[in-house]
Amino acid sequence: MAITPSRIDLDALSPMSWVLEERRRQTEARGEQNHSPYKWMMVLSEEMGEIAKVIEYGHEGKLSHAEYLRELEYELIQTAAVAVAFVEAIRRNKHTASDPTCTCADCPGVTAPGQEGAAV
């Protein structure tokens, strides 16, 4: 689980403002992200795993109720911010629903139709 930012910073923000702030932090930390849908799926899956971990820890009593709610909110906001970043990347790049077959290095096993040994 991530160490959440100061609660003082976050309590003043609406959930949507918090997502925007998290997007700002992500961009500041990593720069513009232009992954393929395959890579974005991996990033989102990791974030979903963090949500599951918080829920598991809460269920097992490893977190106080206040810690559980704080961590759960934070992981949900991070996941929402990653989903927004994914949409931003789609709008910036060639990876779109109208071009689902990609041969970039980030899309292992995906080949354009008609290529030898195309993945099924």
PDB file of N, CA and C in Angstrom:
ATOM      1  N   MET A   1       0.829  -1.177   0.000  1.00  0.00           N
ATOM      2  CA  MET A   1       0.000   0.000   0.000  1.00  0.00           C
ATOM      3  C   MET A   1       0.873   1.241   0.000  1.00  0.00           C
ATOM      4  N   ALA A   2       0.384   2.244  -0.643  1.00  0.00           N
ATOM      5  CA  ALA A   2       1.120   3.502  -0.718  1.00  0.00           C
ATOM      6  C   ALA A   2       0.970   4.267   0.588  1.00  0.00           C
ATOM      7  N   ILE A   3       1.926   5.084   0.867  1.00  0.00           N
ATOM      8  CA  ILE A   3       1.800   5.995   1.996  1.00  0.00           C
ATOM      9  C   ILE A   3       1.011   7.190   1.487  1.00  0.00           C
ATOM     10  N   THR A   4      -0.142   7.411   2.078  1.00  0.00           N
ATOM     11  CA  THR A   4      -1.009   8.469   1.568  1.00  0.00           C
ATOM     12  C   THR A   4      -0.464   9.843   1.918  1.00  0.00           C
ATOM     13  N   PRO A   5      -0.761  10.821   1.073  1.00  0.00           N
ATOM     14  CA  PRO A   5      -0.387  12.203   1.397  1.00  0.00           C
ATOM     15  C   PRO A   5      -1.097  12.645   2.676  1.00  0.00           C
ATOM     16  N   SER A   6      -0.702  13.761   3.187  1.00  0.00           N
ATOM     17  CA  SER A   6      -1.301  14.297   4.399  1.00  0.00           C
ATOM     18  C   SER A   6      -2.813  14.388   4.244  1.00  0.00           C
ATOM     19  N   ARG A   7      -3.516  13.927   5.248  1.00  0.00           N
ATOM     20  CA  ARG A   7      -4.975  13.993   5.232  1.00  0.00           C
ATOM     21  C   ARG A   7      -5.438  15.447   5.175  1.00  0.00           C
ATOM     22  N   ILE A   8      -4.659  16.342   5.753  1.00  0.00           N
ATOM     23  CA  ILE A   8      -5.003  17.763   5.704  1.00  0.00           C
ATOM     24  C   ILE A   8      -5.082  18.226   4.250  1.00  0.00           C
ATOM     25  N   ASP A   9      -4.147  17.749   3.426  1.00  0.00           N
ATOM     26  CA  ASP A   9      -4.151  18.107   2.001  1.00  0.00           C
ATOM     27  C   ASP A   9      -5.408  17.592   1.311  1.00  0.00           C
ATOM     28  N   LEU A  10      -5.862  16.412   1.693  1.00  0.00           N
ATOM     29  CA  LEU A  10      -6.900  15.722   0.945  1.00  0.00           C
ATOM     30  C   LEU A  10      -8.322  16.029   1.411  1.00  0.00           C
ATOM     31  N   ASP A  11      -8.508  16.260   2.696  1.00  0.00           N
ATOM     32  CA  ASP A  11      -9.855  16.489   3.206  1.00  0.00           C
ATOM     33  C   ASP A  11     -10.505  17.736   2.622  1.00  0.00           C
ATOM     34  N   ALA A  12      -9.695  18.691   2.192  1.00  0.00           N
ATOM     35  CA  ALA A  12     -10.235  19.934   1.630  1.00  0.00           C
ATOM     36  C   ALA A  12     -10.713  19.752   0.198  1.00  0.00           C
ATOM     37  N   LEU A  13     -10.406  18.613  -0.426  1.00  0.00           N
ATOM     38  CA  LEU A  13     -10.730  18.403  -1.836  1.00  0.00           C
ATOM     39  C   LEU A  13     -11.962  17.520  -2.006  1.00  0.00           C
ATOM     40  N   SER A  14     -12.758  17.839  -3.025  1.00  0.00           N
ATOM     41  CA  SER A  14     -13.831  16.932  -3.412  1.00  0.00           C
ATOM     42  C   SER A  14     -13.182  15.713  -4.070  1.00  0.00           C
ATOM     43  N   PRO A  15     -13.881  14.591  -4.181  1.00  0.00           N
ATOM     44  CA  PRO A  15     -13.279  13.424  -4.855  1.00  0.00           C
ATOM     45  C   PRO A  15     -12.769  13.744  -6.258  1.00  0.00           C
ATOM     46  N   MET A  16     -13.517  14.508  -7.040  1.00  0.00           N
ATOM     47  CA  MET A  16     -13.060  14.841  -8.397  1.00  0.00           C
ATOM     48  C   MET A  16     -11.814  15.722  -8.370  1.00  0.00           C
ATOM     49  N   SER A  17     -11.773  16.674  -7.440  1.00  0.00           N
ATOM     50  CA  SER A  17     -10.580  17.513  -7.303  1.00  0.00           C
ATOM     51  C   SER A  17      -9.379  16.680  -6.870  1.00  0.00           C
ATOM     52  N   TRP A  18      -9.636  15.693  -6.030  1.00  0.00           N
ATOM     53  CA  TRP A  18      -8.578  14.810  -5.563  1.00  0.00           C
ATOM     54  C   TRP A  18      -8.025  13.996  -6.734  1.00  0.00           C
ATOM     55  N   VAL A  19      -8.895  13.521  -7.622  1.00  0.00           N
ATOM     56  CA  VAL A  19      -8.440  12.796  -8.819  1.00  0.00           C
ATOM     57  C   VAL A  19      -7.560  13.711  -9.676  1.00  0.00           C
ATOM     58  N   LEU A  20      -7.995  14.949  -9.874  1.00  0.00           N
ATOM     59  CA  LEU A  20      -7.191  15.890 -10.666  1.00  0.00           C
ATOM     60  C   LEU A  20      -5.843  16.163 -10.006  1.00  0.00           C
ATOM     61  N   GLU A  21      -5.834  16.291  -8.686  1.00  0.00           N
ATOM     62  CA  GLU A  21      -4.577  16.496  -7.962  1.00  0.00           C
ATOM     63  C   GLU A  21      -3.673  15.269  -8.110  1.00  0.00           C
ATOM     64  N   GLU A  22      -4.255  14.088  -8.050  1.00  0.00           N
ATOM     65  CA  GLU A  22      -3.461  12.863  -8.223  1.00  0.00           C
ATOM     66  C   GLU A  22      -2.904  12.782  -9.642  1.00  0.00           C
ATOM     67  N   ARG A  23      -3.678  13.201 -10.639  1.00  0.00           N
ATOM     68  CA  ARG A  23      -3.164  13.240 -12.019  1.00  0.00           C
ATOM     69  C   ARG A  23      -1.978  14.193 -12.108  1.00  0.00           C
ATOM     70  N   ARG A  24      -2.079  15.349 -11.456  1.00  0.00           N
ATOM     71  CA  ARG A  24      -0.981  16.305 -11.455  1.00  0.00           C
ATOM     72  C   ARG A  24       0.264  15.678 -10.832  1.00  0.00           C
ATOM     73  N   ARG A  25       0.086  14.992  -9.707  1.00  0.00           N
ATOM     74  CA  ARG A  25       1.210  14.341  -9.028  1.00  0.00           C
ATOM     75  C   ARG A  25       1.820  13.243  -9.901  1.00  0.00           C
ATOM     76  N   GLN A  26       0.971  12.464 -10.561  1.00  0.00           N
ATOM     77  CA  GLN A  26       1.473  11.401 -11.428  1.00  0.00           C
ATOM     78  C   GLN A  26       2.293  11.980 -12.581  1.00  0.00           C
ATOM     79  N   THR A  27       1.779  13.035 -13.196  1.00  0.00           N
ATOM     80  CA  THR A  27       2.496  13.662 -14.309  1.00  0.00           C
ATOM     81  C   THR A  27       3.815  14.260 -13.830  1.00  0.00           C
ATOM     82  N   GLU A  28       3.783  14.883 -12.664  1.00  0.00           N
ATOM     83  CA  GLU A  28       5.013  15.461 -12.104  1.00  0.00           C
ATOM     84  C   GLU A  28       6.050  14.367 -11.839  1.00  0.00           C
ATOM     85  N   ALA A  29       5.615  13.232 -11.351  1.00  0.00           N
ATOM     86  CA  ALA A  29       6.532  12.143 -10.999  1.00  0.00           C
ATOM     87  C   ALA A  29       7.038  11.371 -12.215  1.00  0.00           C
ATOM     88  N   ARG A  30       6.160  11.159 -13.220  1.00  0.00           N
ATOM     89  CA  ARG A  30       6.504  10.269 -14.325  1.00  0.00           C
ATOM     90  C   ARG A  30       6.518  10.917 -15.697  1.00  0.00           C
ATOM     91  N   GLY A  31       6.088  12.159 -15.783  1.00  0.00           N
ATOM     92  CA  GLY A  31       5.975  12.803 -17.079  1.00  0.00           C
ATOM     93  C   GLY A  31       4.748  12.287 -17.823  1.00  0.00           C
ATOM     94  N   GLU A  32       4.630  12.686 -19.064  1.00  0.00           N
ATOM     95  CA  GLU A  32       3.506  12.241 -19.889  1.00  0.00           C
ATOM     96  C   GLU A  32       3.647  10.754 -20.165  1.00  0.00           C
ATOM     97  N   GLN A  33       2.599  10.013 -19.889  1.00  0.00           N
ATOM     98  CA  GLN A  33       2.596   8.567 -20.094  1.00  0.00           C
ATOM     99  C   GLN A  33       1.825   8.235 -21.367  1.00  0.00           C
ATOM    100  N   ASN A  34       2.451   7.501 -22.260  1.00  0.00           N
ATOM    101  CA  ASN A  34       1.831   7.150 -23.536  1.00  0.00           C
ATOM    102  C   ASN A  34       1.949   5.649 -23.771  1.00  0.00           C
ATOM    103  N   HIS A  35       1.358   4.893 -22.863  1.00  0.00           N
ATOM    104  CA  HIS A  35       1.416   3.436 -22.966  1.00  0.00           C
ATOM    105  C   HIS A  35       0.376   2.910 -23.954  1.00  0.00           C
ATOM    106  N   SER A  36       0.572   1.689 -24.341  1.00  0.00           N
ATOM    107  CA  SER A  36      -0.422   0.981 -25.147  1.00  0.00           C
ATOM    108  C   SER A  36      -1.567   0.536 -24.238  1.00  0.00           C
ATOM    109  N   PRO A  37      -2.714   0.158 -24.814  1.00  0.00           N
ATOM    110  CA  PRO A  37      -3.796  -0.383 -23.990  1.00  0.00           C
ATOM    111  C   PRO A  37      -3.339  -1.598 -23.171  1.00  0.00           C
ATOM    112  N   TYR A  38      -2.489  -2.419 -23.728  1.00  0.00           N
ATOM    113  CA  TYR A  38      -1.968  -3.587 -23.005  1.00  0.00           C
ATOM    114  C   TYR A  38      -1.255  -3.148 -21.730  1.00  0.00           C
ATOM    115  N   LYS A  39      -0.367  -2.185 -21.847  1.00  0.00           N
ATOM    116  CA  LYS A  39       0.387  -1.688 -20.690  1.00  0.00           C
ATOM    117  C   LYS A  39      -0.537  -0.985 -19.704  1.00  0.00           C
ATOM    118  N   TRP A  40      -1.483  -0.188 -20.206  1.00  0.00           N
ATOM    119  CA  TRP A  40      -2.431   0.470 -19.302  1.00  0.00           C
ATOM    120  C   TRP A  40      -3.232  -0.559 -18.519  1.00  0.00           C
ATOM    121  N   MET A  41      -3.601  -1.670 -19.167  1.00  0.00           N
ATOM    122  CA  MET A  41      -4.332  -2.721 -18.470  1.00  0.00           C
ATOM    123  C   MET A  41      -3.497  -3.259 -17.307  1.00  0.00           C
ATOM    124  N   MET A  42      -2.198  -3.414 -17.523  1.00  0.00           N
ATOM    125  CA  MET A  42      -1.310  -3.890 -16.464  1.00  0.00           C
ATOM    126  C   MET A  42      -1.250  -2.883 -15.312  1.00  0.00           C
ATOM    127  N   VAL A  43      -1.150  -1.606 -15.631  1.00  0.00           N
ATOM    128  CA  VAL A  43      -1.079  -0.564 -14.600  1.00  0.00           C
ATOM    129  C   VAL A  43      -2.386  -0.528 -13.805  1.00  0.00           C
ATOM    130  N   LEU A  44      -3.512  -0.567 -14.498  1.00  0.00           N
ATOM    131  CA  LEU A  44      -4.803  -0.561 -13.813  1.00  0.00           C
ATOM    132  C   LEU A  44      -4.993  -1.817 -12.968  1.00  0.00           C
ATOM    133  N   SER A  45      -4.525  -2.941 -13.463  1.00  0.00           N
ATOM    134  CA  SER A  45      -4.632  -4.187 -12.696  1.00  0.00           C
ATOM    135  C   SER A  45      -3.839  -4.101 -11.399  1.00  0.00           C
ATOM    136  N   GLU A  46      -2.672  -3.481 -11.468  1.00  0.00           N
ATOM    137  CA  GLU A  46      -1.861  -3.302 -10.256  1.00  0.00           C
ATOM    138  C   GLU A  46      -2.598  -2.418  -9.264  1.00  0.00           C
ATOM    139  N   GLU A  47      -3.221  -1.361  -9.758  1.00  0.00           N
ATOM    140  CA  GLU A  47      -3.983  -0.473  -8.868  1.00  0.00           C
ATOM    141  C   GLU A  47      -5.169  -1.210  -8.248  1.00  0.00           C
ATOM    142  N   MET A  48      -5.849  -2.033  -9.024  1.00  0.00           N
ATOM    143  CA  MET A  48      -6.962  -2.821  -8.487  1.00  0.00           C
ATOM    144  C   MET A  48      -6.462  -3.787  -7.412  1.00  0.00           C
ATOM    145  N   GLY A  49      -5.260  -4.324  -7.611  1.00  0.00           N
ATOM    146  CA  GLY A  49      -4.657  -5.186  -6.593  1.00  0.00           C
ATOM    147  C   GLY A  49      -4.418  -4.438  -5.296  1.00  0.00           C
ATOM    148  N   GLU A  50      -4.048  -3.166  -5.390  1.00  0.00           N
ATOM    149  CA  GLU A  50      -3.857  -2.354  -4.189  1.00  0.00           C
ATOM    150  C   GLU A  50      -5.183  -2.156  -3.453  1.00  0.00           C
ATOM    151  N   ILE A  51      -6.264  -1.952  -4.199  1.00  0.00           N
ATOM    152  CA  ILE A  51      -7.587  -1.834  -3.576  1.00  0.00           C
ATOM    153  C   ILE A  51      -7.928  -3.133  -2.857  1.00  0.00           C
ATOM    154  N   ALA A  52      -7.693  -4.250  -3.526  1.00  0.00           N
ATOM    155  CA  ALA A  52      -7.984  -5.552  -2.930  1.00  0.00           C
ATOM    156  C   ALA A  52      -7.170  -5.773  -1.655  1.00  0.00           C
ATOM    157  N   LYS A  53      -5.923  -5.338  -1.665  1.00  0.00           N
ATOM    158  CA  LYS A  53      -5.066  -5.501  -0.484  1.00  0.00           C
ATOM    159  C   LYS A  53      -5.611  -4.704   0.699  1.00  0.00           C
ATOM    160  N   VAL A  54      -6.044  -3.476   0.440  1.00  0.00           N
ATOM    161  CA  VAL A  54      -6.607  -2.665   1.515  1.00  0.00           C
ATOM    162  C   VAL A  54      -7.862  -3.332   2.074  1.00  0.00           C
ATOM    163  N   ILE A  55      -8.728  -3.813   1.199  1.00  0.00           N
ATOM    164  CA  ILE A  55      -9.958  -4.471   1.648  1.00  0.00           C
ATOM    165  C   ILE A  55      -9.620  -5.720   2.459  1.00  0.00           C
ATOM    166  N   GLU A  56      -8.643  -6.488   1.989  1.00  0.00           N
ATOM    167  CA  GLU A  56      -8.220  -7.686   2.727  1.00  0.00           C
ATOM    168  C   GLU A  56      -7.687  -7.307   4.109  1.00  0.00           C
ATOM    169  N   TYR A  57      -6.802  -6.310   4.165  1.00  0.00           N
ATOM    170  CA  TYR A  57      -6.245  -5.890   5.450  1.00  0.00           C
ATOM    171  C   TYR A  57      -7.334  -5.389   6.387  1.00  0.00           C
ATOM    172  N   GLY A  58      -8.290  -4.655   5.847  1.00  0.00           N
ATOM    173  CA  GLY A  58      -9.398  -4.177   6.657  1.00  0.00           C
ATOM    174  C   GLY A  58     -10.231  -5.332   7.185  1.00  0.00           C
ATOM    175  N   HIS A  59     -10.510  -6.298   6.336  1.00  0.00           N
ATOM    176  CA  HIS A  59     -11.297  -7.469   6.719  1.00  0.00           C
ATOM    177  C   HIS A  59     -10.589  -8.283   7.802  1.00  0.00           C
ATOM    178  N   GLU A  60      -9.278  -8.375   7.702  1.00  0.00           N
ATOM    179  CA  GLU A  60      -8.494  -9.159   8.662  1.00  0.00           C
ATOM    180  C   GLU A  60      -8.167  -8.380   9.931  1.00  0.00           C
ATOM    181  N   GLY A  61      -8.588  -7.127  10.019  1.00  0.00           N
ATOM    182  CA  GLY A  61      -8.341  -6.329  11.207  1.00  0.00           C
ATOM    183  C   GLY A  61      -6.916  -5.804  11.317  1.00  0.00           C
ATOM    184  N   LYS A  62      -6.183  -5.786  10.199  1.00  0.00           N
ATOM    185  CA  LYS A  62      -4.804  -5.293  10.205  1.00  0.00           C
ATOM    186  C   LYS A  62      -4.740  -3.769  10.148  1.00  0.00           C
ATOM    187  N   LEU A  63      -5.871  -3.133   9.900  1.00  0.00           N
ATOM    188  CA  LEU A  63      -5.960  -1.675   9.859  1.00  0.00           C
ATOM    189  C   LEU A  63      -7.091  -1.240  10.784  1.00  0.00           C
ATOM    190  N   SER A  64      -6.898  -0.102  11.424  1.00  0.00           N
ATOM    191  CA  SER A  64      -8.020   0.464  12.175  1.00  0.00           C
ATOM    192  C   SER A  64      -9.079   0.878  11.161  1.00  0.00           C
ATOM    193  N   HIS A  65     -10.276   1.142  11.635  1.00  0.00           N
ATOM    194  CA  HIS A  65     -11.344   1.552  10.716  1.00  0.00           C
ATOM    195  C   HIS A  65     -10.968   2.844  10.000  1.00  0.00           C
ATOM    196  N   ALA A  66     -10.382   3.785  10.731  1.00  0.00           N
ATOM    197  CA  ALA A  66      -9.973   5.060  10.123  1.00  0.00           C
ATOM    198  C   ALA A  66      -8.884   4.830   9.076  1.00  0.00           C
ATOM    199  N   GLU A  67      -7.898   3.983   9.377  1.00  0.00           N
ATOM    200  CA  GLU A  67      -6.834   3.681   8.405  1.00  0.00           C
ATOM    201  C   GLU A  67      -7.415   2.996   7.173  1.00  0.00           C
ATOM    202  N   TYR A  68      -8.334   2.068   7.410  1.00  0.00           N
ATOM    203  CA  TYR A  68      -8.986   1.344   6.313  1.00  0.00           C
ATOM    204  C   TYR A  68      -9.671   2.315   5.360  1.00  0.00           C
ATOM    205  N   LEU A  69     -10.488   3.215   5.902  1.00  0.00           N
ATOM    206  CA  LEU A  69     -11.205   4.161   5.046  1.00  0.00           C
ATOM    207  C   LEU A  69     -10.247   5.093   4.319  1.00  0.00           C
ATOM    208  N   ARG A  70      -9.222   5.560   5.005  1.00  0.00           N
ATOM    209  CA  ARG A  70      -8.236   6.465   4.409  1.00  0.00           C
ATOM    210  C   ARG A  70      -7.501   5.786   3.260  1.00  0.00           C
ATOM    211  N   GLU A  71      -7.002   4.583   3.498  1.00  0.00           N
ATOM    212  CA  GLU A  71      -6.252   3.856   2.469  1.00  0.00           C
ATOM    213  C   GLU A  71      -7.153   3.458   1.305  1.00  0.00           C
ATOM    214  N   LEU A  72      -8.385   3.043   1.601  1.00  0.00           N
ATOM    215  CA  LEU A  72      -9.310   2.655   0.538  1.00  0.00           C
ATOM    216  C   LEU A  72      -9.622   3.851  -0.363  1.00  0.00           C
ATOM    217  N   GLU A  73      -9.910   4.994   0.247  1.00  0.00           N
ATOM    218  CA  GLU A  73     -10.144   6.205  -0.549  1.00  0.00           C
ATOM    219  C   GLU A  73      -8.940   6.515  -1.431  1.00  0.00           C
ATOM    220  N   TYR A  74      -7.773   6.462  -0.839  1.00  0.00           N
ATOM    221  CA  TYR A  74      -6.566   6.819  -1.580  1.00  0.00           C
ATOM    222  C   TYR A  74      -6.342   5.879  -2.764  1.00  0.00           C
ATOM    223  N   GLU A  75      -6.489   4.588  -2.563  1.00  0.00           N
ATOM    224  CA  GLU A  75      -6.281   3.634  -3.658  1.00  0.00           C
ATOM    225  C   GLU A  75      -7.340   3.797  -4.738  1.00  0.00           C
ATOM    226  N   LEU A  76      -8.573   4.083  -4.343  1.00  0.00           N
ATOM    227  CA  LEU A  76      -9.629   4.316  -5.338  1.00  0.00           C
ATOM    228  C   LEU A  76      -9.331   5.571  -6.157  1.00  0.00           C
ATOM    229  N   ILE A  77      -8.853   6.613  -5.516  1.00  0.00           N
ATOM    230  CA  ILE A  77      -8.504   7.849  -6.226  1.00  0.00           C
ATOM    231  C   ILE A  77      -7.345   7.604  -7.175  1.00  0.00           C
ATOM    232  N   GLN A  78      -6.325   6.858  -6.726  1.00  0.00           N
ATOM    233  CA  GLN A  78      -5.198   6.549  -7.610  1.00  0.00           C
ATOM    234  C   GLN A  78      -5.670   5.778  -8.835  1.00  0.00           C
ATOM    235  N   THR A  79      -6.565   4.818  -8.630  1.00  0.00           N
ATOM    236  CA  THR A  79      -7.086   4.030  -9.740  1.00  0.00           C
ATOM    237  C   THR A  79      -7.863   4.913 -10.712  1.00  0.00           C
ATOM    238  N   ALA A  80      -8.687   5.799 -10.179  1.00  0.00           N
ATOM    239  CA  ALA A  80      -9.444   6.719 -11.036  1.00  0.00           C
ATOM    240  C   ALA A  80      -8.494   7.619 -11.825  1.00  0.00           C
ATOM    241  N   ALA A  81      -7.434   8.088 -11.186  1.00  0.00           N
ATOM    242  CA  ALA A  81      -6.472   8.957 -11.869  1.00  0.00           C
ATOM    243  C   ALA A  81      -5.739   8.201 -12.977  1.00  0.00           C
ATOM    244  N   VAL A  82      -5.417   6.934 -12.748  1.00  0.00           N
ATOM    245  CA  VAL A  82      -4.778   6.128 -13.797  1.00  0.00           C
ATOM    246  C   VAL A  82      -5.743   5.933 -14.958  1.00  0.00           C
ATOM    247  N   ALA A  83      -7.018   5.689 -14.664  1.00  0.00           N
ATOM    248  CA  ALA A  83      -8.006   5.546 -15.739  1.00  0.00           C
ATOM    249  C   ALA A  83      -8.109   6.827 -16.561  1.00  0.00           C
ATOM    250  N   VAL A  84      -8.063   7.965 -15.906  1.00  0.00           N
ATOM    251  CA  VAL A  84      -8.083   9.251 -16.621  1.00  0.00           C
ATOM    252  C   VAL A  84      -6.834   9.380 -17.487  1.00  0.00           C
ATOM    253  N   ALA A  85      -5.682   9.008 -16.950  1.00  0.00           N
ATOM    254  CA  ALA A  85      -4.435   9.070 -17.721  1.00  0.00           C
ATOM    255  C   ALA A  85      -4.520   8.174 -18.956  1.00  0.00           C
ATOM    256  N   PHE A  86      -5.153   7.026 -18.832  1.00  0.00           N
ATOM    257  CA  PHE A  86      -5.352   6.088 -19.947  1.00  0.00           C
ATOM    258  C   PHE A  86      -6.165   6.787 -21.040  1.00  0.00           C
ATOM    259  N   VAL A  87      -7.269   7.420 -20.662  1.00  0.00           N
ATOM    260  CA  VAL A  87      -8.108   8.129 -21.643  1.00  0.00           C
ATOM    261  C   VAL A  87      -7.314   9.255 -22.304  1.00  0.00           C
ATOM    262  N   GLU A  88      -6.539   9.985 -21.519  1.00  0.00           N
ATOM    263  CA  GLU A  88      -5.711  11.055 -22.078  1.00  0.00           C
ATOM    264  C   GLU A  88      -4.733  10.507 -23.119  1.00  0.00           C
ATOM    265  N   ALA A  89      -4.120   9.362 -22.814  1.00  0.00           N
ATOM    266  CA  ALA A  89      -3.169   8.750 -23.743  1.00  0.00           C
ATOM    267  C   ALA A  89      -3.861   8.296 -25.029  1.00  0.00           C
ATOM    268  N   ILE A  90      -5.050   7.733 -24.899  1.00  0.00           N
ATOM    269  CA  ILE A  90      -5.807   7.321 -26.086  1.00  0.00           C
ATOM    270  C   ILE A  90      -6.049   8.525 -26.994  1.00  0.00           C
ATOM    271  N   ARG A  91      -6.426   9.626 -26.397  1.00  0.00           N
ATOM    272  CA  ARG A  91      -6.712  10.826 -27.183  1.00  0.00           C
ATOM    273  C   ARG A  91      -5.466  11.431 -27.820  1.00  0.00           C
ATOM    274  N   ARG A  92      -4.309  11.194 -27.216  1.00  0.00           N
ATOM    275  CA  ARG A  92      -3.056  11.734 -27.751  1.00  0.00           C
ATOM    276  C   ARG A  92      -2.429  10.847 -28.812  1.00  0.00           C
ATOM    277  N   ASN A  93      -2.724   9.561 -28.769  1.00  0.00           N
ATOM    278  CA  ASN A  93      -1.948   8.590 -29.530  1.00  0.00           C
ATOM    279  C   ASN A  93      -2.759   7.737 -30.474  1.00  0.00           C
ATOM    280  N   LYS A  94      -2.069   6.831 -31.124  1.00  0.00           N
ATOM    281  CA  LYS A  94      -2.670   5.957 -32.121  1.00  0.00           C
ATOM    282  C   LYS A  94      -3.487   4.823 -31.522  1.00  0.00           C
ATOM    283  N   HIS A  95      -3.350   4.559 -30.247  1.00  0.00           N
ATOM    284  CA  HIS A  95      -4.045   3.436 -29.623  1.00  0.00           C
ATOM    285  C   HIS A  95      -5.506   3.805 -29.380  1.00  0.00           C
ATOM    286  N   THR A  96      -6.365   3.443 -30.310  1.00  0.00           N
ATOM    287  CA  THR A  96      -7.777   3.786 -30.216  1.00  0.00           C
ATOM    288  C   THR A  96      -8.633   2.560 -30.470  1.00  0.00           C
ATOM    289  N   ALA A  97      -9.901   2.669 -30.151  1.00  0.00           N
ATOM    290  CA  ALA A  97     -10.830   1.567 -30.383  1.00  0.00           C
ATOM    291  C   ALA A  97     -10.954   1.259 -31.866  1.00  0.00           C
ATOM    292  N   SER A  98     -10.751   2.263 -32.734  1.00  0.00           N
ATOM    293  CA  SER A  98     -10.859   2.017 -34.170  1.00  0.00           C
ATOM    294  C   SER A  98      -9.594   1.355 -34.729  1.00  0.00           C
ATOM    295  N   ASP A  99      -8.528   1.285 -33.929  1.00  0.00           N
ATOM    296  CA  ASP A  99      -7.282   0.642 -34.346  1.00  0.00           C
ATOM    297  C   ASP A  99      -6.832  -0.326 -33.248  1.00  0.00           C
ATOM    298  N   PRO A 100      -7.619  -1.398 -33.006  1.00  0.00           N
ATOM    299  CA  PRO A 100      -7.304  -2.297 -31.903  1.00  0.00           C
ATOM    300  C   PRO A 100      -6.116  -3.223 -32.167  1.00  0.00           C
ATOM    301  N   THR A 101      -5.682  -3.336 -33.395  1.00  0.00           N
ATOM    302  CA  THR A 101      -4.544  -4.199 -33.696  1.00  0.00           C
ATOM    303  C   THR A 101      -3.301  -3.340 -33.796  1.00  0.00           C
ATOM    304  N   CYS A 102      -2.419  -3.531 -32.870  1.00  0.00           N
ATOM    305  CA  CYS A 102      -1.224  -2.698 -32.794  1.00  0.00           C
ATOM    306  C   CYS A 102       0.010  -3.583 -32.825  1.00  0.00           C
ATOM    307  N   THR A 103       1.030  -3.107 -33.443  1.00  0.00           N
ATOM    308  CA  THR A 103       2.277  -3.869 -33.513  1.00  0.00           C
ATOM    309  C   THR A 103       3.404  -3.190 -32.743  1.00  0.00           C
ATOM    310  N   CYS A 104       3.068  -2.242 -31.866  1.00  0.00           N
ATOM    311  CA  CYS A 104       4.127  -1.570 -31.106  1.00  0.00           C
ATOM    312  C   CYS A 104       4.743  -2.541 -30.091  1.00  0.00           C
ATOM    313  N   ALA A 105       5.898  -2.191 -29.592  1.00  0.00           N
ATOM    314  CA  ALA A 105       6.624  -3.044 -28.658  1.00  0.00           C
ATOM    315  C   ALA A 105       5.878  -3.259 -27.345  1.00  0.00           C
ATOM    316  N   ASP A 106       4.970  -2.355 -26.990  1.00  0.00           N
ATOM    317  CA  ASP A 106       4.201  -2.494 -25.749  1.00  0.00           C
ATOM    318  C   ASP A 106       3.048  -3.496 -25.848  1.00  0.00           C
ATOM    319  N   CYS A 107       2.765  -3.988 -27.040  1.00  0.00           N
ATOM    320  CA  CYS A 107       1.633  -4.900 -27.242  1.00  0.00           C
ATOM    321  C   CYS A 107       2.145  -6.286 -27.637  1.00  0.00           C
ATOM    322  N   PRO A 108       2.737  -7.036 -26.709  1.00  0.00           N
ATOM    323  CA  PRO A 108       3.288  -8.339 -27.066  1.00  0.00           C
ATOM    324  C   PRO A 108       2.219  -9.304 -27.556  1.00  0.00           C
ATOM    325  N   GLY A 109       2.561 -10.016 -28.609  1.00  0.00           N
ATOM    326  CA  GLY A 109       1.659 -11.033 -29.137  1.00  0.00           C
ATOM    327  C   GLY A 109       0.549 -10.505 -30.007  1.00  0.00           C
ATOM    328  N   VAL A 110       0.461  -9.225 -30.202  1.00  0.00           N
ATOM    329  CA  VAL A 110      -0.578  -8.650 -31.033  1.00  0.00           C
ATOM    330  C   VAL A 110       0.034  -8.299 -32.375  1.00  0.00           C
ATOM    331  N   THR A 111      -0.574  -8.782 -33.426  1.00  0.00           N
ATOM    332  CA  THR A 111      -0.054  -8.492 -34.770  1.00  0.00           C
ATOM    333  C   THR A 111      -1.176  -7.999 -35.658  1.00  0.00           C
ATOM    334  N   ALA A 112      -0.803  -7.305 -36.682  1.00  0.00           N
ATOM    335  CA  ALA A 112      -1.783  -6.796 -37.627  1.00  0.00           C
ATOM    336  C   ALA A 112      -2.399  -7.946 -38.416  1.00  0.00           C
ATOM    337  N   PRO A 113      -3.677  -7.830 -38.798  1.00  0.00           N
ATOM    338  CA  PRO A 113      -4.321  -8.878 -39.574  1.00  0.00           C
ATOM    339  C   PRO A 113      -3.547  -9.172 -40.851  1.00  0.00           C
ATOM    340  N   GLY A 114      -3.461 -10.458 -41.185  1.00  0.00           N
ATOM    341  CA  GLY A 114      -2.794 -10.877 -42.414  1.00  0.00           C
ATOM    342  C   GLY A 114      -1.305 -11.132 -42.253  1.00  0.00           C
ATOM    343  N   GLN A 115      -0.741 -10.780 -41.096  1.00  0.00           N
ATOM    344  CA  GLN A 115       0.674 -11.065 -40.897  1.00  0.00           C
ATOM    345  C   GLN A 115       0.857 -12.532 -40.588  1.00  0.00           C
ATOM    346  N   GLU A 116       2.000 -13.093 -40.998  1.00  0.00           N
ATOM    347  CA  GLU A 116       2.344 -14.481 -40.706  1.00  0.00           C
ATOM    348  C   GLU A 116       2.312 -14.713 -39.198  1.00  0.00           C
ATOM    349  N   GLY A 117       1.704 -15.779 -38.780  1.00  0.00           N
ATOM    350  CA  GLY A 117       1.688 -16.140 -37.372  1.00  0.00           C
ATOM    351  C   GLY A 117       0.897 -15.184 -36.495  1.00  0.00           C
ATOM    352  N   ALA A 118      -0.102 -14.545 -37.087  1.00  0.00           N
ATOM    353  CA  ALA A 118      -0.891 -13.585 -36.334  1.00  0.00           C
ATOM    354  C   ALA A 118      -1.525 -14.255 -35.116  1.00  0.00           C
ATOM    355  N   ALA A 119      -1.524 -13.539 -34.005  1.00  0.00           N
ATOM    356  CA  ALA A 119      -2.128 -14.058 -32.771  1.00  0.00           C
ATOM    357  C   ALA A 119      -3.639 -14.168 -32.953  1.00  0.00           C
ATOM    358  N   VAL A 120      -4.220 -15.166 -32.325  1.00  0.00           N
ATOM    359  CA  VAL A 120      -5.667 -15.366 -32.414  1.00  0.00           C
ATOM    360  C   VAL A 120      -6.324 -14.830 -31.186  1.00  0.00           C
TER     361      VAL A 120
END
